[in-house]
Amino acid sequence: DLFLAAEPEARVACETFATTNRVILGGEVRASRHNLPSIIAAIE
């Protein structure tokens, strides 16, 4: 939703792993260079 809110044509394949006191993201994304830094900063 973060990616699509900033850029409706963004590409996302995000996988999440969660265990004791830990959350890990992995996968593939694509957005414009203009939007990508602010999206990444907003994720955590």
All heavy atoms as atom14 arrays in JSON, in Angstrom:
{
  "sequence": "DLFLAAEPEARVACETFATTNRVILGGEVRASRHNLPSIIAAIE",
  "atom14_mask": [
    [1, 1, 1, 1, 1, 1, 1, 1, 0, 0, 0, 0, 0, 0],
    [1, 1, 1, 1, 1, 1, 1, 1, 0, 0, 0, 0, 0, 0],
    [1, 1, 1, 1, 1, 1, 1, 1, 1, 1, 1, 0, 0, 0],
    [1, 1, 1, 1, 1, 1, 1, 1, 0, 0, 0, 0, 0, 0],
    [1, 1, 1, 1, 1, 0, 0, 0, 0, 0, 0, 0, 0, 0],
    [1, 1, 1, 1, 1, 0, 0, 0, 0, 0, 0, 0, 0, 0],
    [1, 1, 1, 1, 1, 1, 1, 1, 1, 0, 0, 0, 0, 0],
    [1, 1, 1, 1, 1, 1, 1, 0, 0, 0, 0, 0, 0, 0],
    [1, 1, 1, 1, 1, 1, 1, 1, 1, 0, 0, 0, 0, 0],
    [1, 1, 1, 1, 1, 0, 0, 0, 0, 0, 0, 0, 0, 0],
    [1, 1, 1, 1, 1, 1, 1, 1, 1, 1, 1, 0, 0, 0],
    [1, 1, 1, 1, 1, 1, 1, 0, 0, 0, 0, 0, 0, 0],
    [1, 1, 1, 1, 1, 0, 0, 0, 0, 0, 0, 0, 0, 0],
    [1, 1, 1, 1, 1, 1, 0, 0, 0, 0, 0, 0, 0, 0],
    [1, 1, 1, 1, 1, 1, 1, 1, 1, 0, 0, 0, 0, 0],
    [1, 1, 1, 1, 1, 1, 1, 0, 0, 0, 0, 0, 0, 0],
    [1, 1, 1, 1, 1, 1, 1, 1, 1, 1, 1, 0, 0, 0],
    [1, 1, 1, 1, 1, 0, 0, 0, 0, 0, 0, 0, 0, 0],
    [1, 1, 1, 1, 1, 1, 1, 0, 0, 0, 0, 0, 0, 0],
    [1, 1, 1, 1, 1, 1, 1, 0, 0, 0, 0, 0, 0, 0],
    [1, 1, 1, 1, 1, 1, 1, 1, 0, 0, 0, 0, 0, 0],
    [1, 1, 1, 1, 1, 1, 1, 1, 1, 1, 1, 0, 0, 0],
    [1, 1, 1, 1, 1, 1, 1, 0, 0, 0, 0, 0, 0, 0],
    [1, 1, 1, 1, 1, 1, 1, 1, 0, 0, 0, 0, 0, 0],
    [1, 1, 1, 1, 1, 1, 1, 1, 0, 0, 0, 0, 0, 0],
    [1, 1, 1, 1, 0, 0, 0, 0, 0, 0, 0, 0, 0, 0],
    [1, 1, 1, 1, 0, 0, 0, 0, 0, 0, 0, 0, 0, 0],
    [1, 1, 1, 1, 1, 1, 1, 1, 1, 0, 0, 0, 0, 0],
    [1, 1, 1, 1, 1, 1, 1, 0, 0, 0, 0, 0, 0, 0],
    [1, 1, 1, 1, 1, 1, 1, 1, 1, 1, 1, 0, 0, 0],
    [1, 1, 1, 1, 1, 0, 0, 0, 0, 0, 0, 0, 0, 0],
    [1, 1, 1, 1, 1, 1, 0, 0, 0, 0, 0, 0, 0, 0],
    [1, 1, 1, 1, 1, 1, 1, 1, 1, 1, 1, 0, 0, 0],
    [1, 1, 1, 1, 1, 1, 1, 1, 1, 1, 0, 0, 0, 0],
    [1, 1, 1, 1, 1, 1, 1, 1, 0, 0, 0, 0, 0, 0],
    [1, 1, 1, 1, 1, 1, 1, 1, 0, 0, 0, 0, 0, 0],
    [1, 1, 1, 1, 1, 1, 1, 0, 0, 0, 0, 0, 0, 0],
    [1, 1, 1, 1, 1, 1, 0, 0, 0, 0, 0, 0, 0, 0],
    [1, 1, 1, 1, 1, 1, 1, 1, 0, 0, 0, 0, 0, 0],
    [1, 1, 1, 1, 1, 1, 1, 1, 0, 0, 0, 0, 0, 0],
    [1, 1, 1, 1, 1, 0, 0, 0, 0, 0, 0, 0, 0, 0],
    [1, 1, 1, 1, 1, 0, 0, 0, 0, 0, 0, 0, 0, 0],
    [1, 1, 1, 1, 1, 1, 1, 1, 0, 0, 0, 0, 0, 0],
    [1, 1, 1, 1, 1, 1, 1, 1, 1, 0, 0, 0, 0, 0]
  ],
  "atom14_positions": [
    [[0.82, -1.21, 0.0], [0.0, 0.0, 0.0], [0.85, 1.26, 0.0], [0.48, 2.27, -0.63], [-0.94, 0.0, 1.21], [-2.14, -0.9, 1.02], [-2.35, -1.41, -0.1], [-2.88, -1.11, 2.01], [0.0, 0.0, 0.0], [0.0, 0.0, 0.0], [0.0, 0.0, 0.0], [0.0, 0.0, 0.0], [0.0, 0.0, 0.0], [0.0, 0.0, 0.0]],
    [[1.98, 1.24, 0.69], [2.88, 2.4, 0.66], [3.34, 2.7, -0.75], [3.36, 3.86, -1.19], [4.1, 2.14, 1.55], [3.97, 2.34, 3.05], [5.26, 1.94, 3.73], [3.62, 3.79, 3.38], [0.0, 0.0, 0.0], [0.0, 0.0, 0.0], [0.0, 0.0, 0.0], [0.0, 0.0, 0.0], [0.0, 0.0, 0.0], [0.0, 0.0, 0.0]],
    [[3.74, 1.67, -1.47], [4.21, 1.87, -2.84], [3.08, 2.36, -3.74], [3.27, 3.31, -4.52], [4.79, 0.56, -3.4], [6.24, 0.35, -3.07], [6.61, -0.22, -1.86], [7.23, 0.72, -3.96], [7.96, -0.41, -1.54], [8.58, 0.54, -3.66], [8.94, -0.03, -2.45], [0.0, 0.0, 0.0], [0.0, 0.0, 0.0], [0.0, 0.0, 0.0]],
    [[1.91, 1.75, -3.66], [0.81, 2.12, -4.55], [0.26, 3.52, -4.22], [-0.21, 4.22, -5.12], [-0.31, 1.09, -4.47], [0.04, -0.32, -4.99], [-1.16, -1.24, -4.84], [0.52, -0.27, -6.43], [0.0, 0.0, 0.0], [0.0, 0.0, 0.0], [0.0, 0.0, 0.0], [0.0, 0.0, 0.0], [0.0, 0.0, 0.0], [0.0, 0.0, 0.0]],
    [[0.33, 3.92, -2.95], [-0.12, 5.27, -2.59], [0.77, 6.33, -3.22], [0.31, 7.39, -3.63], [-0.13, 5.42, -1.07], [0.0, 0.0, 0.0], [0.0, 0.0, 0.0], [0.0, 0.0, 0.0], [0.0, 0.0, 0.0], [0.0, 0.0, 0.0], [0.0, 0.0, 0.0], [0.0, 0.0, 0.0], [0.0, 0.0, 0.0], [0.0, 0.0, 0.0]],
    [[2.06, 6.03, -3.32], [3.01, 6.98, -3.9], [3.05, 6.87, -5.42], [3.28, 7.88, -6.11], [4.4, 6.74, -3.34], [0.0, 0.0, 0.0], [0.0, 0.0, 0.0], [0.0, 0.0, 0.0], [0.0, 0.0, 0.0], [0.0, 0.0, 0.0], [0.0, 0.0, 0.0], [0.0, 0.0, 0.0], [0.0, 0.0, 0.0], [0.0, 0.0, 0.0]],
    [[2.83, 5.68, -5.93], [3.0, 5.43, -7.37], [2.12, 4.25, -7.77], [2.49, 3.09, -7.56], [4.48, 5.13, -7.66], [4.85, 5.21, -9.1], [6.36, 5.26, -9.28], [7.04, 6.07, -8.59], [6.87, 4.5, -10.11], [0.0, 0.0, 0.0], [0.0, 0.0, 0.0], [0.0, 0.0, 0.0], [0.0, 0.0, 0.0], [0.0, 0.0, 0.0]],
    [[0.95, 4.51, -8.34], [-0.01, 3.43, -8.63], [0.53, 2.32, -9.52], [0.03, 1.18, -9.44], [-1.17, 4.16, -9.3], [-1.1, 5.55, -8.73], [0.36, 5.84, -8.6], [0.0, 0.0, 0.0], [0.0, 0.0, 0.0], [0.0, 0.0, 0.0], [0.0, 0.0, 0.0], [0.0, 0.0, 0.0], [0.0, 0.0, 0.0], [0.0, 0.0, 0.0]],
    [[1.52, 2.61, -10.35], [2.07, 1.59, -11.24], [3.31, 0.91, -10.65], [4.02, 0.18, -11.36], [2.42, 2.2, -12.6], [1.25, 2.83, -13.33], [0.26, 1.79, -13.84], [0.68, 0.65, -14.08], [-0.93, 2.13, -13.99], [0.0, 0.0, 0.0], [0.0, 0.0, 0.0], [0.0, 0.0, 0.0], [0.0, 0.0, 0.0], [0.0, 0.0, 0.0]],
    [[3.59, 1.14, -9.39], [4.76, 0.51, -8.76], [4.64, -1.01, -8.79], [3.54, -1.56, -8.86], [4.9, 1.0, -7.32], [0.0, 0.0, 0.0], [0.0, 0.0, 0.0], [0.0, 0.0, 0.0], [0.0, 0.0, 0.0], [0.0, 0.0, 0.0], [0.0, 0.0, 0.0], [0.0, 0.0, 0.0], [0.0, 0.0, 0.0], [0.0, 0.0, 0.0]],
    [[5.78, -1.66, -8.74], [5.81, -3.12, -8.72], [6.33, -3.58, -7.35], [7.35, -3.08, -6.86], [6.72, -3.66, -9.81], [6.3, -3.24, -11.21], [5.11, -4.04, -11.71], [4.55, -3.45, -12.91], [5.09, -3.54, -14.12], [6.21, -4.2, -14.29], [4.49, -2.97, -15.15], [0.0, 0.0, 0.0], [0.0, 0.0, 0.0], [0.0, 0.0, 0.0]],
    [[5.64, -4.54, -6.77], [6.0, -5.01, -5.44], [5.78, -6.51, -5.35], [4.74, -7.02, -5.78], [5.14, -4.31, -4.34], [5.53, -4.82, -2.95], [5.28, -2.8, -4.42], [0.0, 0.0, 0.0], [0.0, 0.0, 0.0], [0.0, 0.0, 0.0], [0.0, 0.0, 0.0], [0.0, 0.0, 0.0], [0.0, 0.0, 0.0], [0.0, 0.0, 0.0]],
    [[6.76, -7.2, -4.8], [6.6, -8.6, -4.37], [7.33, -8.7, -3.04], [8.53, -8.97, -2.99], [7.18, -9.56, -5.4], [0.0, 0.0, 0.0], [0.0, 0.0, 0.0], [0.0, 0.0, 0.0], [0.0, 0.0, 0.0], [0.0, 0.0, 0.0], [0.0, 0.0, 0.0], [0.0, 0.0, 0.0], [0.0, 0.0, 0.0], [0.0, 0.0, 0.0]],
    [[6.61, -8.44, -1.96], [7.21, -8.31, -0.63], [6.87, -9.51, 0.24], [5.69, -9.8, 0.48], [6.72, -7.03, 0.04], [7.31, -6.81, 1.74], [0.0, 0.0, 0.0], [0.0, 0.0, 0.0], [0.0, 0.0, 0.0], [0.0, 0.0, 0.0], [0.0, 0.0, 0.0], [0.0, 0.0, 0.0], [0.0, 0.0, 0.0], [0.0, 0.0, 0.0]],
    [[7.89, -10.19, 0.72], [7.72, -11.31, 1.64], [8.21, -10.89, 3.03], [9.2, -10.18, 3.16], [8.54, -12.52, 1.17], [8.32, -12.9, -0.28], [6.93, -13.42, -0.58], [6.21, -13.78, 0.38], [6.56, -13.49, -1.76], [0.0, 0.0, 0.0], [0.0, 0.0, 0.0], [0.0, 0.0, 0.0], [0.0, 0.0, 0.0], [0.0, 0.0, 0.0]],
    [[7.51, -11.37, 4.05], [7.84, -11.03, 5.44], [8.06, -12.3, 6.25], [7.34, -13.29, 6.1], [6.7, -10.21, 6.08], [6.47, -9.04, 5.31], [7.04, -9.83, 7.51], [0.0, 0.0, 0.0], [0.0, 0.0, 0.0], [0.0, 0.0, 0.0], [0.0, 0.0, 0.0], [0.0, 0.0, 0.0], [0.0, 0.0, 0.0], [0.0, 0.0, 0.0]],
    [[9.07, -12.25, 7.11], [9.35, -13.31, 8.07], [9.34, -12.68, 9.46], [9.97, -11.65, 9.68], [10.71, -13.95, 7.79], [11.21, -14.87, 8.88], [10.51, -16.01, 9.21], [12.37, -14.58, 9.58], [10.97, -16.86, 10.21], [12.85, -15.41, 10.58], [12.14, -16.56, 10.9], [0.0, 0.0, 0.0], [0.0, 0.0, 0.0], [0.0, 0.0, 0.0]],
    [[8.62, -13.29, 10.38], [8.56, -12.77, 11.75], [8.84, -13.9, 12.73], [8.33, -15.02, 12.58], [7.19, -12.17, 12.03], [0.0, 0.0, 0.0], [0.0, 0.0, 0.0], [0.0, 0.0, 0.0], [0.0, 0.0, 0.0], [0.0, 0.0, 0.0], [0.0, 0.0, 0.0], [0.0, 0.0, 0.0], [0.0, 0.0, 0.0], [0.0, 0.0, 0.0]],
    [[9.66, -13.59, 13.74], [9.93, -14.53, 14.82], [10.16, -13.71, 16.09], [9.87, -12.5, 16.11], [11.13, -15.43, 14.47], [11.27, -16.45, 15.49], [12.42, -14.65, 14.35], [0.0, 0.0, 0.0], [0.0, 0.0, 0.0], [0.0, 0.0, 0.0], [0.0, 0.0, 0.0], [0.0, 0.0, 0.0], [0.0, 0.0, 0.0], [0.0, 0.0, 0.0]],
    [[10.66, -14.34, 17.13], [10.84, -13.64, 18.4], [11.63, -12.34, 18.21], [12.78, -12.36, 17.76], [11.57, -14.56, 19.4], [10.82, -15.76, 19.54], [11.71, -13.88, 20.75], [0.0, 0.0, 0.0], [0.0, 0.0, 0.0], [0.0, 0.0, 0.0], [0.0, 0.0, 0.0], [0.0, 0.0, 0.0], [0.0, 0.0, 0.0], [0.0, 0.0, 0.0]],
    [[10.98, -11.22, 18.51], [11.59, -9.89, 18.47], [12.3, -9.57, 17.15], [13.31, -8.87, 17.14], [12.59, -9.74, 19.63], [11.88, -9.36, 20.92], [10.8, -8.76, 20.9], [12.47, -9.73, 22.05], [0.0, 0.0, 0.0], [0.0, 0.0, 0.0], [0.0, 0.0, 0.0], [0.0, 0.0, 0.0], [0.0, 0.0, 0.0], [0.0, 0.0, 0.0]],
    [[11.74, -10.03, 16.04], [12.39, -9.77, 14.75], [11.37, -9.82, 13.62], [10.53, -10.72, 13.57], [13.49, -10.8, 14.5], [14.39, -10.5, 13.3], [15.45, -11.57, 13.16], [16.32, -11.61, 14.35], [17.44, -10.94, 14.47], [17.86, -10.15, 13.48], [18.17, -11.04, 15.57], [0.0, 0.0, 0.0], [0.0, 0.0, 0.0], [0.0, 0.0, 0.0]],
    [[11.47, -8.84, 12.71], [10.7, -8.83, 11.47], [11.65, -8.55, 10.33], [12.44, -7.58, 10.38], [9.58, -7.75, 11.5], [8.9, -7.64, 10.13], [8.55, -8.08, 12.57], [0.0, 0.0, 0.0], [0.0, 0.0, 0.0], [0.0, 0.0, 0.0], [0.0, 0.0, 0.0], [0.0, 0.0, 0.0], [0.0, 0.0, 0.0], [0.0, 0.0, 0.0]],
    [[11.61, -9.39, 9.29], [12.52, -9.28, 8.16], [11.72, -9.21, 6.87], [10.81, -10.03, 6.65], [13.48, -10.48, 8.11], [14.31, -10.56, 9.4], [14.41, -10.39, 6.9], [15.14, -11.82, 9.51], [0.0, 0.0, 0.0], [0.0, 0.0, 0.0], [0.0, 0.0, 0.0], [0.0, 0.0, 0.0], [0.0, 0.0, 0.0], [0.0, 0.0, 0.0]],
    [[12.05, -8.25, 6.02], [11.43, -8.13, 4.7], [12.41, -8.56, 3.62], [13.61, -8.32, 3.72], [11.02, -6.68, 4.41], [10.11, -5.95, 5.39], [9.74, -4.59, 4.8], [8.87, -6.76, 5.69], [0.0, 0.0, 0.0], [0.0, 0.0, 0.0], [0.0, 0.0, 0.0], [0.0, 0.0, 0.0], [0.0, 0.0, 0.0], [0.0, 0.0, 0.0]],
    [[11.89, -9.18, 2.58], [12.67, -9.5, 1.39], [11.77, -9.47, 0.19], [10.54, -9.53, 0.3], [0.0, 0.0, 0.0], [0.0, 0.0, 0.0], [0.0, 0.0, 0.0], [0.0, 0.0, 0.0], [0.0, 0.0, 0.0], [0.0, 0.0, 0.0], [0.0, 0.0, 0.0], [0.0, 0.0, 0.0], [0.0, 0.0, 0.0], [0.0, 0.0, 0.0]],
    [[12.37, -9.39, -1.0], [11.57, -9.39, -2.21], [12.01, -8.32, -3.18], [13.09, -7.74, -3.05], [0.0, 0.0, 0.0], [0.0, 0.0, 0.0], [0.0, 0.0, 0.0], [0.0, 0.0, 0.0], [0.0, 0.0, 0.0], [0.0, 0.0, 0.0], [0.0, 0.0, 0.0], [0.0, 0.0, 0.0], [0.0, 0.0, 0.0], [0.0, 0.0, 0.0]],
    [[11.15, -8.07, -4.17], [11.5, -7.21, -5.29], [10.5, -6.06, -5.41], [9.29, -6.27, -5.25], [11.5, -8.01, -6.6], [12.44, -9.2, -6.6], [11.89, -10.4, -5.83], [10.72, -10.74, -6.05], [12.64, -10.96, -4.99], [0.0, 0.0, 0.0], [0.0, 0.0, 0.0], [0.0, 0.0, 0.0], [0.0, 0.0, 0.0], [0.0, 0.0, 0.0]],
    [[11.01, -4.88, -5.7], [10.16, -3.71, -5.86], [10.66, -2.87, -7.03], [11.82, -2.99, -7.45], [10.14, -2.84, -4.59], [9.56, -3.61, -3.41], [11.54, -2.33, -4.24], [0.0, 0.0, 0.0], [0.0, 0.0, 0.0], [0.0, 0.0, 0.0], [0.0, 0.0, 0.0], [0.0, 0.0, 0.0], [0.0, 0.0, 0.0], [0.0, 0.0, 0.0]],
    [[9.77, -2.02, -7.53], [10.18, -1.04, -8.54], [9.31, 0.2, -8.41], [8.08, 0.1, -8.36], [10.07, -1.61, -9.95], [10.74, -0.69, -10.99], [10.71, -1.31, -12.38], [9.41, -1.15, -13.0], [9.1, -1.64, -14.2], [9.98, -2.35, -14.88], [7.91, -1.45, -14.71], [0.0, 0.0, 0.0], [0.0, 0.0, 0.0], [0.0, 0.0, 0.0]],
    [[9.95, 1.34, -8.34], [9.28, 2.64, -8.35], [10.25, 3.65, -8.95], [11.43, 3.35, -9.14], [8.87, 3.05, -6.93], [0.0, 0.0, 0.0], [0.0, 0.0, 0.0], [0.0, 0.0, 0.0], [0.0, 0.0, 0.0], [0.0, 0.0, 0.0], [0.0, 0.0, 0.0], [0.0, 0.0, 0.0], [0.0, 0.0, 0.0], [0.0, 0.0, 0.0]],
    [[9.74, 4.82, -9.25], [10.59, 5.83, -9.85], [11.66, 6.29, -8.87], [11.49, 6.22, -7.65], [9.74, 7.04, -10.28], [9.18, 7.67, -9.14], [0.0, 0.0, 0.0], [0.0, 0.0, 0.0], [0.0, 0.0, 0.0], [0.0, 0.0, 0.0], [0.0, 0.0, 0.0], [0.0, 0.0, 0.0], [0.0, 0.0, 0.0], [0.0, 0.0, 0.0]],
    [[12.77, 6.77, -9.4], [13.85, 7.27, -8.54], [13.38, 8.43, -7.68], [13.89, 8.64, -6.58], [15.03, 7.69, -9.41], [15.76, 6.52, -10.07], [16.98, 6.99, -10.83], [17.69, 5.87, -11.45], [18.8, 5.99, -12.15], [19.34, 7.2, -12.34], [19.37, 4.92, -12.68], [0.0, 0.0, 0.0], [0.0, 0.0, 0.0], [0.0, 0.0, 0.0]],
    [[12.42, 9.17, -8.19], [11.9, 10.31, -7.43], [11.16, 9.85, -6.17], [11.29, 10.47, -5.1], [10.96, 11.13, -8.31], [10.23, 12.22, -7.59], [10.85, 13.38, -7.16], [8.93, 12.32, -7.19], [9.97, 14.14, -6.53], [8.81, 13.52, -6.54], [0.0, 0.0, 0.0], [0.0, 0.0, 0.0], [0.0, 0.0, 0.0], [0.0, 0.0, 0.0]],
    [[10.39, 8.78, -6.28], [9.55, 8.33, -5.16], [10.21, 7.3, -4.26], [9.86, 7.19, -3.08], [8.24, 7.73, -5.7], [7.29, 8.78, -6.23], [7.19, 9.87, -5.67], [6.6, 8.47, -7.31], [0.0, 0.0, 0.0], [0.0, 0.0, 0.0], [0.0, 0.0, 0.0], [0.0, 0.0, 0.0], [0.0, 0.0, 0.0], [0.0, 0.0, 0.0]],
    [[11.15, 6.54, -4.8], [11.66, 5.39, -4.07], [12.28, 5.73, -2.71], [11.97, 5.05, -1.71], [12.66, 4.61, -4.93], [13.09, 3.25, -4.38], [11.89, 2.34, -4.16], [14.09, 2.59, -5.32], [0.0, 0.0, 0.0], [0.0, 0.0, 0.0], [0.0, 0.0, 0.0], [0.0, 0.0, 0.0], [0.0, 0.0, 0.0], [0.0, 0.0, 0.0]],
    [[13.12, 6.75, -2.58], [13.72, 7.03, -1.27], [12.7, 7.32, -0.17], [12.84, 6.83, 0.96], [14.62, 8.25, -1.54], [14.93, 8.17, -2.99], [13.69, 7.64, -3.63], [0.0, 0.0, 0.0], [0.0, 0.0, 0.0], [0.0, 0.0, 0.0], [0.0, 0.0, 0.0], [0.0, 0.0, 0.0], [0.0, 0.0, 0.0], [0.0, 0.0, 0.0]],
    [[11.66, 8.09, -0.49], [10.67, 8.42, 0.53], [9.83, 7.2, 0.89], [9.42, 7.03, 2.06], [9.77, 9.56, 0.06], [9.07, 9.21, -1.12], [0.0, 0.0, 0.0], [0.0, 0.0, 0.0], [0.0, 0.0, 0.0], [0.0, 0.0, 0.0], [0.0, 0.0, 0.0], [0.0, 0.0, 0.0], [0.0, 0.0, 0.0], [0.0, 0.0, 0.0]],
    [[9.56, 6.33, -0.08], [8.82, 5.11, 0.22], [9.63, 4.22, 1.16], [9.11, 3.71, 2.17], [8.47, 4.34, -1.06], [7.58, 5.18, -1.99], [7.77, 3.03, -0.72], [7.37, 4.56, -3.37], [0.0, 0.0, 0.0], [0.0, 0.0, 0.0], [0.0, 0.0, 0.0], [0.0, 0.0, 0.0], [0.0, 0.0, 0.0], [0.0, 0.0, 0.0]],
    [[10.9, 4.02, 0.82], [11.75, 3.16, 1.65], [11.85, 3.7, 3.07], [11.78, 2.94, 4.05], [13.15, 3.03, 1.02], [13.07, 2.32, -0.35], [14.09, 2.29, 1.95], [12.53, 0.91, -0.29], [0.0, 0.0, 0.0], [0.0, 0.0, 0.0], [0.0, 0.0, 0.0], [0.0, 0.0, 0.0], [0.0, 0.0, 0.0], [0.0, 0.0, 0.0]],
    [[11.96, 5.01, 3.2], [12.06, 5.62, 4.54], [10.79, 5.42, 5.35], [10.83, 5.38, 6.59], [12.37, 7.11, 4.4], [0.0, 0.0, 0.0], [0.0, 0.0, 0.0], [0.0, 0.0, 0.0], [0.0, 0.0, 0.0], [0.0, 0.0, 0.0], [0.0, 0.0, 0.0], [0.0, 0.0, 0.0], [0.0, 0.0, 0.0], [0.0, 0.0, 0.0]],
    [[9.66, 5.29, 4.67], [8.38, 5.17, 5.38], [8.06, 3.73, 5.79], [7.12, 3.51, 6.56], [7.26, 5.71, 4.48], [0.0, 0.0, 0.0], [0.0, 0.0, 0.0], [0.0, 0.0, 0.0], [0.0, 0.0, 0.0], [0.0, 0.0, 0.0], [0.0, 0.0, 0.0], [0.0, 0.0, 0.0], [0.0, 0.0, 0.0], [0.0, 0.0, 0.0]],
    [[8.81, 2.76, 5.3], [8.44, 1.37, 5.51], [8.51, 0.96, 6.97], [7.54, 0.42, 7.53], [9.31, 0.44, 4.64], [8.9, 0.57, 3.17], [9.18, -1.01, 5.11], [9.76, -0.24, 2.21], [0.0, 0.0, 0.0], [0.0, 0.0, 0.0], [0.0, 0.0, 0.0], [0.0, 0.0, 0.0], [0.0, 0.0, 0.0], [0.0, 0.0, 0.0]],
    [[9.63, 1.21, 7.65], [9.74, 0.74, 9.03], [8.68, 1.35, 9.93], [8.03, 0.61, 10.7], [11.14, 0.99, 9.59], [11.27, 0.46, 11.02], [12.68, 0.57, 11.59], [13.62, 0.88, 10.83], [12.85, 0.34, 12.81], [0.0, 0.0, 0.0], [0.0, 0.0, 0.0], [0.0, 0.0, 0.0], [0.0, 0.0, 0.0], [0.0, 0.0, 0.0]]
  ]
}
